[in-house]
């Protein structure tokens, strides 16, 4: 097999992998009368770590609400995740620096 054939095969496989990850329309979100907004997105972002663990064992639990109003829900979700990560980040749990005593 020539080098060109290998490169062409690699490009083809890469293109197929990238194309398979493309987002499509969300048909499930179209039929709701009251979609989730900013505040529900914020709440879902805050409880995301717990929801993720539960979703590993229960197929009916999802991390992200598909029935949302778009950008405001996304903003609330990301803001909730950022809020929780800033609260539980390492600097919040580090011990305060000890002062050295001067020797006389």
C-alpha atoms as a PDB file:
ATOM      1  CA  UNK A   1       0.000   0.000   0.000  1.00  0.00           C
ATOM      2  CA  UNK A   2       1.423   3.344  -0.980  1.00  0.00           C
ATOM      3  CA  UNK A   3       1.801   6.309   1.252  1.00  0.00           C
ATOM      4  CA  UNK A   4      -0.817   8.280  -0.715  1.00  0.00           C
ATOM      5  CA  UNK A   5      -3.380   5.510  -0.262  1.00  0.00           C
ATOM      6  CA  UNK A   6      -2.792   5.473   3.507  1.00  0.00           C
ATOM      7  CA  UNK A   7      -3.138   9.237   3.742  1.00  0.00           C
ATOM      8  CA  UNK A   8      -6.310   9.158   1.641  1.00  0.00           C
ATOM      9  CA  UNK A   9      -7.756   6.425   3.871  1.00  0.00           C
ATOM     10  CA  UNK A  10      -6.870   8.384   6.997  1.00  0.00           C
ATOM     11  CA  UNK A  11      -8.467  11.535   5.587  1.00  0.00           C
ATOM     12  CA  UNK A  12     -11.610   9.580   4.674  1.00  0.00           C
ATOM     13  CA  UNK A  13     -11.906   8.009   8.137  1.00  0.00           C
ATOM     14  CA  UNK A  14     -11.307  11.374   9.806  1.00  0.00           C
ATOM     15  CA  UNK A  15     -13.942  13.044   7.626  1.00  0.00           C
ATOM     16  CA  UNK A  16     -16.473  10.319   8.484  1.00  0.00           C
ATOM     17  CA  UNK A  17     -15.762  10.655  12.216  1.00  0.00           C
ATOM     18  CA  UNK A  18     -16.138  14.436  12.111  1.00  0.00           C
ATOM     19  CA  UNK A  19     -19.334  14.209  10.047  1.00  0.00           C
ATOM     20  CA  UNK A  20     -20.846  11.713  12.476  1.00  0.00           C
ATOM     21  CA  UNK A  21     -20.451  14.232  15.312  1.00  0.00           C
ATOM     22  CA  UNK A  22     -22.364  16.993  13.537  1.00  0.00           C
ATOM     23  CA  UNK A  23     -25.404  18.261  15.408  1.00  0.00           C
ATOM     24  CA  UNK A  24     -28.790  17.884  13.826  1.00  0.00           C
ATOM     25  CA  UNK A  25     -32.202  19.357  14.560  1.00  0.00           C
ATOM     26  CA  UNK A  26     -33.720  18.512  17.928  1.00  0.00           C
ATOM     27  CA  UNK A  27     -37.160  17.173  17.074  1.00  0.00           C
ATOM     28  CA  UNK A  28     -37.922  16.379  20.723  1.00  0.00           C
ATOM     29  CA  UNK A  29     -37.707  20.044  21.751  1.00  0.00           C
ATOM     30  CA  UNK A  30     -40.281  21.312  19.254  1.00  0.00           C
ATOM     31  CA  UNK A  31     -43.461  20.102  20.945  1.00  0.00           C
ATOM     32  CA  UNK A  32     -43.279  21.643  24.419  1.00  0.00           C
ATOM     33  CA  UNK A  33     -45.521  24.512  25.474  1.00  0.00           C
ATOM     34  CA  UNK A  34     -43.223  25.699  28.296  1.00  0.00           C
ATOM     35  CA  UNK A  35     -39.520  25.143  27.518  1.00  0.00           C
ATOM     36  CA  UNK A  36     -36.810  25.378  30.170  1.00  0.00           C
ATOM     37  CA  UNK A  37     -35.249  28.820  30.499  1.00  0.00           C
ATOM     38  CA  UNK A  38     -32.341  30.487  32.269  1.00  0.00           C
ATOM     39  CA  UNK A  39     -33.295  29.597  35.848  1.00  0.00           C
ATOM     40  CA  UNK A  40     -33.859  25.920  35.122  1.00  0.00           C
ATOM     41  CA  UNK A  41     -30.589  25.874  33.155  1.00  0.00           C
ATOM     42  CA  UNK A  42     -28.820  27.386  36.169  1.00  0.00           C
ATOM     43  CA  UNK A  43     -30.303  24.730  38.442  1.00  0.00           C
ATOM     44  CA  UNK A  44     -29.365  21.929  36.028  1.00  0.00           C
ATOM     45  CA  UNK A  45     -25.801  23.280  35.874  1.00  0.00           C
ATOM     46  CA  UNK A  46     -25.563  23.343  39.670  1.00  0.00           C
ATOM     47  CA  UNK A  47     -26.786  19.759  40.076  1.00  0.00           C
ATOM     48  CA  UNK A  48     -24.865  18.480  37.039  1.00  0.00           C
ATOM     49  CA  UNK A  49     -22.218  16.456  38.963  1.00  0.00           C
ATOM     50  CA  UNK A  50     -24.864  14.579  40.932  1.00  0.00           C
ATOM     51  CA  UNK A  51     -27.057  14.120  37.863  1.00  0.00           C
ATOM     52  CA  UNK A  52     -24.106  12.708  35.942  1.00  0.00           C
ATOM     53  CA  UNK A  53     -23.492  10.027  38.569  1.00  0.00           C
ATOM     54  CA  UNK A  54     -27.195   9.109  38.661  1.00  0.00           C
ATOM     55  CA  UNK A  55     -27.346   8.993  34.843  1.00  0.00           C
ATOM     56  CA  UNK A  56     -24.640   6.311  34.807  1.00  0.00           C
ATOM     57  CA  UNK A  57     -27.009   3.919  36.596  1.00  0.00           C
ATOM     58  CA  UNK A  58     -30.417   5.103  35.341  1.00  0.00           C
ATOM     59  CA  UNK A  59     -31.171   5.420  31.620  1.00  0.00           C
ATOM     60  CA  UNK A  60     -34.183   7.691  32.191  1.00  0.00           C
ATOM     61  CA  UNK A  61     -32.074  10.469  33.782  1.00  0.00           C
ATOM     62  CA  UNK A  62     -30.428  12.997  31.473  1.00  0.00           C
ATOM     63  CA  UNK A  63     -27.947  15.726  32.311  1.00  0.00           C
ATOM     64  CA  UNK A  64     -29.216  18.289  29.815  1.00  0.00           C
ATOM     65  CA  UNK A  65     -32.853  19.318  29.268  1.00  0.00           C
ATOM     66  CA  UNK A  66     -33.689  18.968  25.576  1.00  0.00           C
ATOM     67  CA  UNK A  67     -36.901  20.988  25.969  1.00  0.00           C
ATOM     68  CA  UNK A  68     -35.213  24.374  26.388  1.00  0.00           C
ATOM     69  CA  UNK A  69     -35.541  27.856  24.922  1.00  0.00           C
ATOM     70  CA  UNK A  70     -32.036  27.942  23.466  1.00  0.00           C
ATOM     71  CA  UNK A  71     -29.293  30.382  24.376  1.00  0.00           C
ATOM     72  CA  UNK A  72     -30.672  31.478  27.749  1.00  0.00           C
ATOM     73  CA  UNK A  73     -30.902  27.889  28.968  1.00  0.00           C
ATOM     74  CA  UNK A  74     -27.376  27.215  27.684  1.00  0.00           C
ATOM     75  CA  UNK A  75     -26.067  30.332  29.449  1.00  0.00           C
ATOM     76  CA  UNK A  76     -27.707  29.312  32.731  1.00  0.00           C
ATOM     77  CA  UNK A  77     -26.391  25.756  32.424  1.00  0.00           C
ATOM     78  CA  UNK A  78     -22.804  26.850  31.814  1.00  0.00           C
ATOM     79  CA  UNK A  79     -23.055  29.539  34.507  1.00  0.00           C
ATOM     80  CA  UNK A  80     -24.285  26.933  37.007  1.00  0.00           C
ATOM     81  CA  UNK A  81     -21.390  24.617  36.169  1.00  0.00           C
ATOM     82  CA  UNK A  82     -18.913  27.517  36.485  1.00  0.00           C
ATOM     83  CA  UNK A  83     -20.455  28.541  39.800  1.00  0.00           C
ATOM     84  CA  UNK A  84     -20.115  25.065  41.256  1.00  0.00           C
ATOM     85  CA  UNK A  85     -16.589  24.600  39.955  1.00  0.00           C
ATOM     86  CA  UNK A  86     -15.525  27.911  41.533  1.00  0.00           C
ATOM     87  CA  UNK A  87     -17.072  26.927  44.854  1.00  0.00           C
ATOM     88  CA  UNK A  88     -15.470  23.487  44.921  1.00  0.00           C
ATOM     89  CA  UNK A  89     -12.121  24.437  43.428  1.00  0.00           C
ATOM     90  CA  UNK A  90      -8.872  23.606  45.178  1.00  0.00           C
ATOM     91  CA  UNK A  91      -8.041  27.070  46.569  1.00  0.00           C
ATOM     92  CA  UNK A  92     -11.213  27.010  48.677  1.00  0.00           C
ATOM     93  CA  UNK A  93     -10.005  23.894  50.493  1.00  0.00           C
ATOM     94  CA  UNK A  94      -6.334  24.679  50.956  1.00  0.00           C
ATOM     95  CA  UNK A  95      -5.060  25.377  54.415  1.00  0.00           C
ATOM     96  CA  UNK A  96      -4.025  28.931  55.190  1.00  0.00           C
ATOM     97  CA  UNK A  97      -0.319  29.632  55.079  1.00  0.00           C
ATOM     98  CA  UNK A  98       1.429  29.366  58.432  1.00  0.00           C
ATOM     99  CA  UNK A  99       3.487  32.267  59.601  1.00  0.00           C
ATOM    100  CA  UNK A 100       7.037  31.636  60.546  1.00  0.00           C
ATOM    101  CA  UNK A 101       8.124  32.785  63.947  1.00  0.00           C
ATOM    102  CA  UNK A 102      11.223  34.871  64.074  1.00  0.00           C
ATOM    103  CA  UNK A 103      14.008  33.501  66.155  1.00  0.00           C
ATOM    104  CA  UNK A 104      15.309  36.042  68.625  1.00  0.00           C
END
